[in-house]
């Protein structure tokens, strides 16, 4: 469960889980297919349906593995891969702010 302080471990877990589950990982392995037309072959429609289902399941895994507080802070895009990147971007911003705060605190310390 992503709580804020365990981002790296959470991302490793989510990526490993998605990679080892073929049904969920399919949307990360293939580009999003175009929406099939009425007259497209059944295989095209099946592939599209499979990809969309994989994307939905991957987004659910990502969403359900975050605490409610974190979930509310990150916008959920259409693609699972973009969702994972949005969470990463949010925590990179937080990490930079924390580094700056600690650096400022360190440099303002006085030797006593």
PDB file of N, CA and C in Angstrom:
ATOM      1  N   UNK A   1       0.846  -1.179   0.000  1.00  0.00           N
ATOM      2  CA  UNK A   1       0.000   0.000   0.000  1.00  0.00           C
ATOM      3  C   UNK A   1       0.890   1.241   0.000  1.00  0.00           C
ATOM      4  N   UNK A   2       0.675   2.099  -0.980  1.00  0.00           N
ATOM      5  CA  UNK A   2       1.435   3.339  -1.066  1.00  0.00           C
ATOM      6  C   UNK A   2       0.906   4.317  -0.026  1.00  0.00           C
ATOM      7  N   UNK A   3       1.786   4.711   0.883  1.00  0.00           N
ATOM      8  CA  UNK A   3       1.396   5.640   1.941  1.00  0.00           C
ATOM      9  C   UNK A   3       2.108   6.981   1.829  1.00  0.00           C
ATOM     10  N   UNK A   4       3.116   7.055   0.998  1.00  0.00           N
ATOM     11  CA  UNK A   4       3.844   8.299   0.816  1.00  0.00           C
ATOM     12  C   UNK A   4       5.327   8.134   1.036  1.00  0.00           C
ATOM     13  N   UNK A   5       5.696   7.426   2.086  1.00  0.00           N
ATOM     14  CA  UNK A   5       7.117   7.271   2.396  1.00  0.00           C
ATOM     15  C   UNK A   5       7.714   6.014   1.769  1.00  0.00           C
ATOM     16  N   UNK A   6       6.896   5.203   1.138  1.00  0.00           N
ATOM     17  CA  UNK A   6       7.373   3.930   0.592  1.00  0.00           C
ATOM     18  C   UNK A   6       7.218   3.850  -0.923  1.00  0.00           C
ATOM     19  N   UNK A   7       7.367   4.973  -1.600  1.00  0.00           N
ATOM     20  CA  UNK A   7       7.103   5.025  -3.038  1.00  0.00           C
ATOM     21  C   UNK A   7       7.933   4.023  -3.837  1.00  0.00           C
ATOM     22  N   UNK A   8       9.224   3.974  -3.603  1.00  0.00           N
ATOM     23  CA  UNK A   8      10.084   3.079  -4.407  1.00  0.00           C
ATOM     24  C   UNK A   8       9.681   1.620  -4.246  1.00  0.00           C
ATOM     25  N   UNK A   9       9.428   1.193  -3.033  1.00  0.00           N
ATOM     26  CA  UNK A   9       9.013  -0.191  -2.783  1.00  0.00           C
ATOM     27  C   UNK A   9       7.645  -0.451  -3.422  1.00  0.00           C
ATOM     28  N   UNK A  10       6.747   0.516  -3.329  1.00  0.00           N
ATOM     29  CA  UNK A  10       5.420   0.366  -3.921  1.00  0.00           C
ATOM     30  C   UNK A  10       5.522   0.213  -5.432  1.00  0.00           C
ATOM     31  N   UNK A  11       6.313   1.076  -6.071  1.00  0.00           N
ATOM     32  CA  UNK A  11       6.437   1.009  -7.536  1.00  0.00           C
ATOM     33  C   UNK A  11       7.044  -0.320  -7.959  1.00  0.00           C
ATOM     34  N   UNK A  12       8.068  -0.784  -7.253  1.00  0.00           N
ATOM     35  CA  UNK A  12       8.660  -2.089  -7.567  1.00  0.00           C
ATOM     36  C   UNK A  12       7.619  -3.197  -7.471  1.00  0.00           C
ATOM     37  N   UNK A  13       6.815  -3.166  -6.407  1.00  0.00           N
ATOM     38  CA  UNK A  13       5.778  -4.179  -6.224  1.00  0.00           C
ATOM     39  C   UNK A  13       4.762  -4.136  -7.358  1.00  0.00           C
ATOM     40  N   UNK A  14       4.249  -2.946  -7.671  1.00  0.00           N
ATOM     41  CA  UNK A  14       3.221  -2.810  -8.710  1.00  0.00           C
ATOM     42  C   UNK A  14       3.766  -3.249 -10.062  1.00  0.00           C
ATOM     43  N   UNK A  15       4.968  -2.821 -10.411  1.00  0.00           N
ATOM     44  CA  UNK A  15       5.546  -3.209 -11.696  1.00  0.00           C
ATOM     45  C   UNK A  15       5.777  -4.716 -11.774  1.00  0.00           C
ATOM     46  N   UNK A  16       6.236  -5.319 -10.695  1.00  0.00           N
ATOM     47  CA  UNK A  16       6.449  -6.768 -10.673  1.00  0.00           C
ATOM     48  C   UNK A  16       5.129  -7.496 -10.805  1.00  0.00           C
ATOM     49  N   UNK A  17       4.124  -7.076 -10.062  1.00  0.00           N
ATOM     50  CA  UNK A  17       2.813  -7.716 -10.115  1.00  0.00           C
ATOM     51  C   UNK A  17       2.229  -7.643 -11.525  1.00  0.00           C
ATOM     52  N   UNK A  18       2.293  -6.471 -12.126  1.00  0.00           N
ATOM     53  CA  UNK A  18       1.746  -6.280 -13.471  1.00  0.00           C
ATOM     54  C   UNK A  18       2.531  -7.098 -14.496  1.00  0.00           C
ATOM     55  N   UNK A  19       3.844  -7.140 -14.353  1.00  0.00           N
ATOM     56  CA  UNK A  19       4.685  -7.881 -15.294  1.00  0.00           C
ATOM     57  C   UNK A  19       4.391  -9.371 -15.260  1.00  0.00           C
ATOM     58  N   UNK A  20       4.193  -9.918 -14.070  1.00  0.00           N
ATOM     59  CA  UNK A  20       3.971 -11.358 -13.944  1.00  0.00           C
ATOM     60  C   UNK A  20       2.541 -11.783 -14.245  1.00  0.00           C
ATOM     61  N   UNK A  21       1.633 -10.853 -14.389  1.00  0.00           N
ATOM     62  CA  UNK A  21       0.253 -11.186 -14.700  1.00  0.00           C
ATOM     63  C   UNK A  21      -0.006 -10.800 -16.156  1.00  0.00           C
ATOM     64  N   UNK A  22      -0.060 -11.786 -17.040  1.00  0.00           N
ATOM     65  CA  UNK A  22      -0.211 -11.529 -18.478  1.00  0.00           C
ATOM     66  C   UNK A  22      -1.470 -10.745 -18.817  1.00  0.00           C
ATOM     67  N   UNK A  23      -2.567 -11.032 -18.122  1.00  0.00           N
ATOM     68  CA  UNK A  23      -3.820 -10.343 -18.427  1.00  0.00           C
ATOM     69  C   UNK A  23      -3.738  -8.865 -18.091  1.00  0.00           C
ATOM     70  N   UNK A  24      -3.046  -8.547 -17.014  1.00  0.00           N
ATOM     71  CA  UNK A  24      -2.926  -7.142 -16.611  1.00  0.00           C
ATOM     72  C   UNK A  24      -1.807  -6.450 -17.385  1.00  0.00           C
ATOM     73  N   UNK A  25      -0.710  -7.137 -17.603  1.00  0.00           N
ATOM     74  CA  UNK A  25       0.455  -6.536 -18.241  1.00  0.00           C
ATOM     75  C   UNK A  25       0.315  -6.300 -19.729  1.00  0.00           C
ATOM     76  N   UNK A  26      -0.706  -6.857 -20.347  1.00  0.00           N
ATOM     77  CA  UNK A  26      -0.892  -6.723 -21.793  1.00  0.00           C
ATOM     78  C   UNK A  26      -0.929  -5.263 -22.234  1.00  0.00           C
ATOM     79  N   UNK A  27      -1.584  -4.409 -21.463  1.00  0.00           N
ATOM     80  CA  UNK A  27      -1.703  -2.997 -21.849  1.00  0.00           C
ATOM     81  C   UNK A  27      -0.373  -2.244 -21.750  1.00  0.00           C
ATOM     82  N   UNK A  28       0.594  -2.800 -21.033  1.00  0.00           N
ATOM     83  CA  UNK A  28       1.917  -2.181 -20.956  1.00  0.00           C
ATOM     84  C   UNK A  28       2.824  -2.689 -22.071  1.00  0.00           C
ATOM     85  N   UNK A  29       2.484  -3.838 -22.638  1.00  0.00           N
ATOM     86  CA  UNK A  29       3.307  -4.446 -23.685  1.00  0.00           C
ATOM     87  C   UNK A  29       2.908  -3.977 -25.082  1.00  0.00           C
ATOM     88  N   UNK A  30       1.651  -3.605 -25.250  1.00  0.00           N
ATOM     89  CA  UNK A  30       1.112  -3.217 -26.550  1.00  0.00           C
ATOM     90  C   UNK A  30       0.614  -1.781 -26.499  1.00  0.00           C
ATOM     91  N   UNK A  31       0.707  -1.086 -27.630  1.00  0.00           N
ATOM     92  CA  UNK A  31       0.127   0.247 -27.740  1.00  0.00           C
ATOM     93  C   UNK A  31      -1.394   0.120 -27.725  1.00  0.00           C
ATOM     94  N   UNK A  32      -2.065   1.186 -27.306  1.00  0.00           N
ATOM     95  CA  UNK A  32      -3.526   1.163 -27.308  1.00  0.00           C
ATOM     96  C   UNK A  32      -4.008   1.035 -28.755  1.00  0.00           C
ATOM     97  N   UNK A  33      -4.810   0.005 -29.034  1.00  0.00           N
ATOM     98  CA  UNK A  33      -5.319  -0.148 -30.406  1.00  0.00           C
ATOM     99  C   UNK A  33      -6.425   0.857 -30.692  1.00  0.00           C
ATOM    100  N   UNK A  34      -6.596   1.149 -31.965  1.00  0.00           N
ATOM    101  CA  UNK A  34      -7.686   2.041 -32.369  1.00  0.00           C
ATOM    102  C   UNK A  34      -9.016   1.355 -32.103  1.00  0.00           C
ATOM    103  N   UNK A  35     -10.027   2.152 -31.857  1.00  0.00           N
ATOM    104  CA  UNK A  35     -11.363   1.600 -31.665  1.00  0.00           C
ATOM    105  C   UNK A  35     -11.798   0.935 -32.965  1.00  0.00           C
ATOM    106  N   UNK A  36     -12.177  -0.342 -32.890  1.00  0.00           N
ATOM    107  CA  UNK A  36     -12.532  -1.043 -34.123  1.00  0.00           C
ATOM    108  C   UNK A  36     -13.844  -0.533 -34.725  1.00  0.00           C
ATOM    109  N   UNK A  37     -13.890  -0.593 -36.034  1.00  0.00           N
ATOM    110  CA  UNK A  37     -15.111  -0.217 -36.751  1.00  0.00           C
ATOM    111  C   UNK A  37     -16.061  -1.409 -36.775  1.00  0.00           C
ATOM    112  N   UNK A  38     -17.294  -1.143 -37.126  1.00  0.00           N
ATOM    113  CA  UNK A  38     -18.305  -2.202 -37.191  1.00  0.00           C
ATOM    114  C   UNK A  38     -17.886  -3.343 -38.105  1.00  0.00           C
ATOM    115  N   UNK A  39     -17.229  -3.013 -39.214  1.00  0.00           N
ATOM    116  CA  UNK A  39     -16.896  -4.029 -40.212  1.00  0.00           C
ATOM    117  C   UNK A  39     -15.501  -4.636 -40.029  1.00  0.00           C
ATOM    118  N   UNK A  40     -14.817  -4.307 -38.940  1.00  0.00           N
ATOM    119  CA  UNK A  40     -13.496  -4.904 -38.680  1.00  0.00           C
ATOM    120  C   UNK A  40     -13.630  -6.388 -38.344  1.00  0.00           C
ATOM    121  N   UNK A  41     -12.539  -7.095 -38.541  1.00  0.00           N
ATOM    122  CA  UNK A  41     -12.507  -8.531 -38.250  1.00  0.00           C
ATOM    123  C   UNK A  41     -12.719  -8.770 -36.758  1.00  0.00           C
ATOM    124  N   UNK A  42     -13.179  -9.958 -36.451  1.00  0.00           N
ATOM    125  CA  UNK A  42     -13.417 -10.337 -35.053  1.00  0.00           C
ATOM    126  C   UNK A  42     -12.121 -10.300 -34.252  1.00  0.00           C
ATOM    127  N   UNK A  43     -11.001 -10.647 -34.885  1.00  0.00           N
ATOM    128  CA  UNK A  43      -9.718 -10.653 -34.163  1.00  0.00           C
ATOM    129  C   UNK A  43      -9.311  -9.244 -33.741  1.00  0.00           C
ATOM    130  N   UNK A  44      -9.620  -8.246 -34.566  1.00  0.00           N
ATOM    131  CA  UNK A  44      -9.320  -6.847 -34.225  1.00  0.00           C
ATOM    132  C   UNK A  44     -10.173  -6.412 -33.036  1.00  0.00           C
ATOM    133  N   UNK A  45     -11.437  -6.783 -33.075  1.00  0.00           N
ATOM    134  CA  UNK A  45     -12.343  -6.431 -31.978  1.00  0.00           C
ATOM    135  C   UNK A  45     -11.947  -7.139 -30.683  1.00  0.00           C
ATOM    136  N   UNK A  46     -11.547  -8.396 -30.807  1.00  0.00           N
ATOM    137  CA  UNK A  46     -11.123  -9.159 -29.635  1.00  0.00           C
ATOM    138  C   UNK A  46      -9.862  -8.567 -29.024  1.00  0.00           C
ATOM    139  N   UNK A  47      -8.906  -8.196 -29.885  1.00  0.00           N
ATOM    140  CA  UNK A  47      -7.659  -7.592 -29.396  1.00  0.00           C
ATOM    141  C   UNK A  47      -7.935  -6.272 -28.680  1.00  0.00           C
ATOM    142  N   UNK A  48      -8.828  -5.466 -29.228  1.00  0.00           N
ATOM    143  CA  UNK A  48      -9.184  -4.188 -28.611  1.00  0.00           C
ATOM    144  C   UNK A  48      -9.838  -4.422 -27.247  1.00  0.00           C
ATOM    145  N   UNK A  49     -10.764  -5.367 -27.205  1.00  0.00           N
ATOM    146  CA  UNK A  49     -11.454  -5.683 -25.950  1.00  0.00           C
ATOM    147  C   UNK A  49     -10.462  -6.199 -24.906  1.00  0.00           C
ATOM    148  N   UNK A  50      -9.532  -7.043 -25.327  1.00  0.00           N
ATOM    149  CA  UNK A  50      -8.509  -7.592 -24.423  1.00  0.00           C
ATOM    150  C   UNK A  50      -7.633  -6.471 -23.873  1.00  0.00           C
ATOM    151  N   UNK A  51      -7.228  -5.543 -24.731  1.00  0.00           N
ATOM    152  CA  UNK A  51      -6.367  -4.437 -24.300  1.00  0.00           C
ATOM    153  C   UNK A  51      -7.116  -3.536 -23.316  1.00  0.00           C
ATOM    154  N   UNK A  52      -8.378  -3.208 -23.633  1.00  0.00           N
ATOM    155  CA  UNK A  52      -9.157  -2.332 -22.760  1.00  0.00           C
ATOM    156  C   UNK A  52      -9.377  -2.976 -21.384  1.00  0.00           C
ATOM    157  N   UNK A  53      -9.641  -4.265 -21.369  1.00  0.00           N
ATOM    158  CA  UNK A  53      -9.829  -4.971 -20.103  1.00  0.00           C
ATOM    159  C   UNK A  53      -8.527  -4.983 -19.295  1.00  0.00           C
ATOM    160  N   UNK A  54      -7.418  -5.212 -19.972  1.00  0.00           N
ATOM    161  CA  UNK A  54      -6.107  -5.203 -19.318  1.00  0.00           C
ATOM    162  C   UNK A  54      -5.820  -3.835 -18.708  1.00  0.00           C
ATOM    163  N   UNK A  55      -6.105  -2.782 -19.451  1.00  0.00           N
ATOM    164  CA  UNK A  55      -5.878  -1.414 -18.981  1.00  0.00           C
ATOM    165  C   UNK A  55      -6.730  -1.121 -17.744  1.00  0.00           C
ATOM    166  N   UNK A  56      -7.996  -1.535 -17.790  1.00  0.00           N
ATOM    167  CA  UNK A  56      -8.893  -1.315 -16.649  1.00  0.00           C
ATOM    168  C   UNK A  56      -8.390  -2.059 -15.408  1.00  0.00           C
ATOM    169  N   UNK A  57      -7.963  -3.310 -15.590  1.00  0.00           N
ATOM    170  CA  UNK A  57      -7.463  -4.083 -14.449  1.00  0.00           C
ATOM    171  C   UNK A  57      -6.174  -3.480 -13.895  1.00  0.00           C
ATOM    172  N   UNK A  58      -5.281  -3.033 -14.767  1.00  0.00           N
ATOM    173  CA  UNK A  58      -4.027  -2.424 -14.314  1.00  0.00           C
ATOM    174  C   UNK A  58      -4.307  -1.149 -13.524  1.00  0.00           C
ATOM    175  N   UNK A  59      -5.234  -0.327 -14.005  1.00  0.00           N
ATOM    176  CA  UNK A  59      -5.593   0.895 -13.270  1.00  0.00           C
ATOM    177  C   UNK A  59      -6.181   0.551 -11.904  1.00  0.00           C
ATOM    178  N   UNK A  60      -6.971  -0.502 -11.844  1.00  0.00           N
ATOM    179  CA  UNK A  60      -7.543  -0.922 -10.559  1.00  0.00           C
ATOM    180  C   UNK A  60      -6.453  -1.385  -9.596  1.00  0.00           C
ATOM    181  N   UNK A  61      -5.472  -2.129 -10.103  1.00  0.00           N
ATOM    182  CA  UNK A  61      -4.354  -2.572  -9.251  1.00  0.00           C
ATOM    183  C   UNK A  61      -3.607  -1.354  -8.706  1.00  0.00           C
ATOM    184  N   UNK A  62      -3.318  -0.407  -9.568  1.00  0.00           N
ATOM    185  CA  UNK A  62      -2.590   0.797  -9.158  1.00  0.00           C
ATOM    186  C   UNK A  62      -3.413   1.574  -8.126  1.00  0.00           C
ATOM    187  N   UNK A  63      -4.690   1.805  -8.435  1.00  0.00           N
ATOM    188  CA  UNK A  63      -5.564   2.585  -7.554  1.00  0.00           C
ATOM    189  C   UNK A  63      -5.747   1.908  -6.196  1.00  0.00           C
ATOM    190  N   UNK A  64      -6.007   0.613  -6.199  1.00  0.00           N
ATOM    191  CA  UNK A  64      -6.285  -0.090  -4.954  1.00  0.00           C
ATOM    192  C   UNK A  64      -5.048  -0.299  -4.089  1.00  0.00           C
ATOM    193  N   UNK A  65      -3.875  -0.106  -4.655  1.00  0.00           N
ATOM    194  CA  UNK A  65      -2.651  -0.272  -3.868  1.00  0.00           C
ATOM    195  C   UNK A  65      -2.159   1.049  -3.282  1.00  0.00           C
ATOM    196  N   UNK A  66      -2.988   2.086  -3.385  1.00  0.00           N
ATOM    197  CA  UNK A  66      -2.650   3.394  -2.808  1.00  0.00           C
ATOM    198  C   UNK A  66      -3.603   3.701  -1.660  1.00  0.00           C
ATOM    199  N   UNK A  67      -3.112   4.431  -0.668  1.00  0.00           N
ATOM    200  CA  UNK A  67      -3.995   4.864   0.409  1.00  0.00           C
ATOM    201  C   UNK A  67      -4.981   5.889  -0.148  1.00  0.00           C
ATOM    202  N   UNK A  68      -6.096   6.089   0.533  1.00  0.00           N
ATOM    203  CA  UNK A  68      -7.124   7.026   0.063  1.00  0.00           C
ATOM    204  C   UNK A  68      -6.575   8.440  -0.065  1.00  0.00           C
ATOM    205  N   UNK A  69      -5.689   8.828   0.850  1.00  0.00           N
ATOM    206  CA  UNK A  69      -5.103  10.173   0.804  1.00  0.00           C
ATOM    207  C   UNK A  69      -4.295  10.378  -0.466  1.00  0.00           C
ATOM    208  N   UNK A  70      -3.513   9.379  -0.836  1.00  0.00           N
ATOM    209  CA  UNK A  70      -2.691   9.475  -2.046  1.00  0.00           C
ATOM    210  C   UNK A  70      -3.593   9.463  -3.278  1.00  0.00           C
ATOM    211  N   UNK A  71      -4.602   8.586  -3.282  1.00  0.00           N
ATOM    212  CA  UNK A  71      -5.531   8.481  -4.413  1.00  0.00           C
ATOM    213  C   UNK A  71      -6.157   9.819  -4.759  1.00  0.00           C
ATOM    214  N   UNK A  72      -6.483  10.592  -3.745  1.00  0.00           N
ATOM    215  CA  UNK A  72      -7.123  11.880  -3.970  1.00  0.00           C
ATOM    216  C   UNK A  72      -6.195  12.946  -4.516  1.00  0.00           C
ATOM    217  N   UNK A  73      -4.899  12.717  -4.429  1.00  0.00           N
ATOM    218  CA  UNK A  73      -3.917  13.718  -4.867  1.00  0.00           C
ATOM    219  C   UNK A  73      -3.463  13.541  -6.304  1.00  0.00           C
ATOM    220  N   UNK A  74      -3.815  12.418  -6.917  1.00  0.00           N
ATOM    221  CA  UNK A  74      -3.312  12.117  -8.260  1.00  0.00           C
ATOM    222  C   UNK A  74      -4.491  11.969  -9.220  1.00  0.00           C
ATOM    223  N   UNK A  75      -4.456  12.742 -10.302  1.00  0.00           N
ATOM    224  CA  UNK A  75      -5.489  12.610 -11.332  1.00  0.00           C
ATOM    225  C   UNK A  75      -5.313  11.266 -12.034  1.00  0.00           C
ATOM    226  N   UNK A  76      -6.420  10.647 -12.405  1.00  0.00           N
ATOM    227  CA  UNK A  76      -6.359   9.329 -13.034  1.00  0.00           C
ATOM    228  C   UNK A  76      -6.595   9.453 -14.538  1.00  0.00           C
ATOM    229  N   UNK A  77      -5.534   9.359 -15.337  1.00  0.00           N
ATOM    230  CA  UNK A  77      -5.700   9.436 -16.791  1.00  0.00           C
ATOM    231  C   UNK A  77      -6.314   8.157 -17.359  1.00  0.00           C
ATOM    232  N   UNK A  78      -6.563   8.164 -18.651  1.00  0.00           N
ATOM    233  CA  UNK A  78      -7.212   7.033 -19.316  1.00  0.00           C
ATOM    234  C   UNK A  78      -6.339   5.780 -19.345  1.00  0.00           C
ATOM    235  N   UNK A  79      -5.032   5.945 -19.543  1.00  0.00           N
ATOM    236  CA  UNK A  79      -4.125   4.803 -19.693  1.00  0.00           C
ATOM    237  C   UNK A  79      -3.442   4.454 -18.373  1.00  0.00           C
ATOM    238  N   UNK A  80      -3.325   3.163 -18.106  1.00  0.00           N
ATOM    239  CA  UNK A  80      -2.670   2.704 -16.879  1.00  0.00           C
ATOM    240  C   UNK A  80      -1.212   3.146 -16.836  1.00  0.00           C
ATOM    241  N   UNK A  81      -0.535   3.116 -17.978  1.00  0.00           N
ATOM    242  CA  UNK A  81       0.866   3.533 -18.005  1.00  0.00           C
ATOM    243  C   UNK A  81       1.003   5.013 -17.642  1.00  0.00           C
ATOM    244  N   UNK A  82       0.067   5.830 -18.118  1.00  0.00           N
ATOM    245  CA  UNK A  82       0.080   7.259 -17.767  1.00  0.00           C
ATOM    246  C   UNK A  82      -0.251   7.472 -16.291  1.00  0.00           C
ATOM    247  N   UNK A  83      -1.107   6.625 -15.747  1.00  0.00           N
ATOM    248  CA  UNK A  83      -1.469   6.698 -14.329  1.00  0.00           C
ATOM    249  C   UNK A  83      -0.239   6.427 -13.469  1.00  0.00           C
ATOM    250  N   UNK A  84       0.500   5.390 -13.827  1.00  0.00           N
ATOM    251  CA  UNK A  84       1.718   5.055 -13.085  1.00  0.00           C
ATOM    252  C   UNK A  84       2.732   6.196 -13.174  1.00  0.00           C
ATOM    253  N   UNK A  85       2.846   6.806 -14.340  1.00  0.00           N
ATOM    254  CA  UNK A  85       3.762   7.939 -14.509  1.00  0.00           C
ATOM    255  C   UNK A  85       3.293   9.165 -13.737  1.00  0.00           C
ATOM    256  N   UNK A  86       1.977   9.379 -13.645  1.00  0.00           N
ATOM    257  CA  UNK A  86       1.445  10.521 -12.879  1.00  0.00           C
ATOM    258  C   UNK A  86       1.774  10.367 -11.399  1.00  0.00           C
ATOM    259  N   UNK A  87       1.652   9.149 -10.890  1.00  0.00           N
ATOM    260  CA  UNK A  87       2.004   8.898  -9.487  1.00  0.00           C
ATOM    261  C   UNK A  87       3.492   9.133  -9.293  1.00  0.00           C
ATOM    262  N   UNK A  88       4.299   8.645 -10.224  1.00  0.00           N
ATOM    263  CA  UNK A  88       5.755   8.838 -10.142  1.00  0.00           C
ATOM    264  C   UNK A  88       6.119  10.317 -10.153  1.00  0.00           C
ATOM    265  N   UNK A  89       5.485  11.064 -11.039  1.00  0.00           N
ATOM    266  CA  UNK A  89       5.771  12.500 -11.131  1.00  0.00           C
ATOM    267  C   UNK A  89       5.410  13.206  -9.833  1.00  0.00           C
ATOM    268  N   UNK A  90       4.302  12.810  -9.230  1.00  0.00           N
ATOM    269  CA  UNK A  90       3.871  13.419  -7.968  1.00  0.00           C
ATOM    270  C   UNK A  90       4.908  13.186  -6.872  1.00  0.00           C
ATOM    271  N   UNK A  91       5.455  11.988  -6.833  1.00  0.00           N
ATOM    272  CA  UNK A  91       6.416  11.682  -5.788  1.00  0.00           C
ATOM    273  C   UNK A  91       7.801  12.221  -6.087  1.00  0.00           C
ATOM    274  N   UNK A  92       8.136  12.431  -7.336  1.00  0.00           N
ATOM    275  CA  UNK A  92       9.404  13.083  -7.651  1.00  0.00           C
ATOM    276  C   UNK A  92       9.366  14.531  -7.196  1.00  0.00           C
ATOM    277  N   UNK A  93       8.206  15.198  -7.386  1.00  0.00           N
ATOM    278  CA  UNK A  93       8.045  16.571  -6.898  1.00  0.00           C
ATOM    279  C   UNK A  93       8.183  16.615  -5.384  1.00  0.00           C
ATOM    280  N   UNK A  94       7.538  15.690  -4.706  1.00  0.00           N
ATOM    281  CA  UNK A  94       7.587  15.642  -3.246  1.00  0.00           C
ATOM    282  C   UNK A  94       9.004  15.354  -2.762  1.00  0.00           C
ATOM    283  N   UNK A  95       9.689  14.469  -3.479  1.00  0.00           N
ATOM    284  CA  UNK A  95      11.052  14.105  -3.099  1.00  0.00           C
ATOM    285  C   UNK A  95      11.987  15.307  -3.234  1.00  0.00           C
ATOM    286  N   UNK A  96      11.829  16.089  -4.310  1.00  0.00           N
ATOM    287  CA  UNK A  96      12.659  17.280  -4.509  1.00  0.00           C
ATOM    288  C   UNK A  96      12.400  18.307  -3.408  1.00  0.00           C
ATOM    289  N   UNK A  97      11.151  18.481  -3.046  1.00  0.00           N
ATOM    290  CA  UNK A  97      10.802  19.432  -1.987  1.00  0.00           C
ATOM    291  C   UNK A  97      11.398  18.988  -0.657  1.00  0.00           C
ATOM    292  N   UNK A  98      11.343  17.705  -0.377  1.00  0.00           N
ATOM    293  CA  UNK A  98      11.904  17.175   0.866  1.00  0.00           C
ATOM    294  C   UNK A  98      13.419  17.355   0.888  1.00  0.00           C
ATOM    295  N   UNK A  99      14.083  17.122  -0.224  1.00  0.00           N
ATOM    296  CA  UNK A  99      15.534  17.303  -0.306  1.00  0.00           C
ATOM    297  C   UNK A  99      15.891  18.768  -0.060  1.00  0.00           C
ATOM    298  N   UNK A 100      15.130  19.670  -0.683  1.00  0.00           N
ATOM    299  CA  UNK A 100      15.389  21.103  -0.498  1.00  0.00           C
ATOM    300  C   UNK A 100      15.182  21.508   0.964  1.00  0.00           C
ATOM    301  N   UNK A 101      14.141  20.995   1.591  1.00  0.00           N
ATOM    302  CA  UNK A 101      13.865  21.316   2.993  1.00  0.00           C
ATOM    303  C   UNK A 101      14.989  20.816   3.892  1.00  0.00           C
ATOM    304  N   UNK A 102      15.407  19.576   3.684  1.00  0.00           N
ATOM    305  CA  UNK A 102      16.481  19.018   4.501  1.00  0.00           C
ATOM    306  C   UNK A 102      17.799  19.744   4.269  1.00  0.00           C
ATOM    307  N   UNK A 103      18.070  20.119   3.024  1.00  0.00           N
ATOM    308  CA  UNK A 103      19.287  20.854   2.697  1.00  0.00           C
ATOM    309  C   UNK A 103      19.298  22.211   3.396  1.00  0.00           C
ATOM    310  N   UNK A 104      18.159  22.901   3.366  1.00  0.00           N
ATOM    311  CA  UNK A 104      18.055  24.194   4.034  1.00  0.00           C
ATOM    312  C   UNK A 104      18.232  24.038   5.545  1.00  0.00           C
ATOM    313  N   UNK A 105      17.617  23.023   6.101  1.00  0.00           N
ATOM    314  CA  UNK A 105      17.738  22.750   7.539  1.00  0.00           C
ATOM    315  C   UNK A 105      19.187  22.446   7.913  1.00  0.00           C
ATOM    316  N   UNK A 106      19.834  21.659   7.109  1.00  0.00           N
ATOM    317  CA  UNK A 106      21.235  21.307   7.356  1.00  0.00           C
ATOM    318  C   UNK A 106      22.130  22.540   7.341  1.00  0.00           C
ATOM    319  N   UNK A 107      21.948  23.393   6.351  1.00  0.00           N
ATOM    320  CA  UNK A 107      22.794  24.572   6.225  1.00  0.00           C
ATOM    321  C   UNK A 107      22.484  25.657   7.251  1.00  0.00           C
ATOM    322  N   UNK A 108      21.314  25.600   7.858  1.00  0.00           N
ATOM    323  CA  UNK A 108      20.994  26.592   8.882  1.00  0.00           C
ATOM    324  C   UNK A 108      21.384  26.140  10.288  1.00  0.00           C
ATOM    325  N   UNK A 109      21.842  24.907  10.395  1.00  0.00           N
ATOM    326  CA  UNK A 109      22.263  24.408  11.719  1.00  0.00           C
ATOM    327  C   UNK A 109      23.512  25.153  12.170  1.00  0.00           C
ATOM    328  N   UNK A 110      23.570  25.394  13.452  1.00  0.00           N
ATOM    329  CA  UNK A 110      24.741  26.044  14.019  1.00  0.00           C
ATOM    330  C   UNK A 110      25.462  25.056  14.893  1.00  0.00           C
ATOM    331  N   UNK A 111      26.767  25.125  14.826  1.00  0.00           N
ATOM    332  CA  UNK A 111      27.586  24.267  15.647  1.00  0.00           C
ATOM    333  C   UNK A 111      27.586  24.804  17.070  1.00  0.00           C
ATOM    334  N   UNK A 112      27.274  23.956  18.027  1.00  0.00           N
ATOM    335  CA  UNK A 112      27.267  24.432  19.415  1.00  0.00           C
ATOM    336  C   UNK A 112      28.174  23.604  20.288  1.00  0.00           C
TER     337      UNK A 112
END
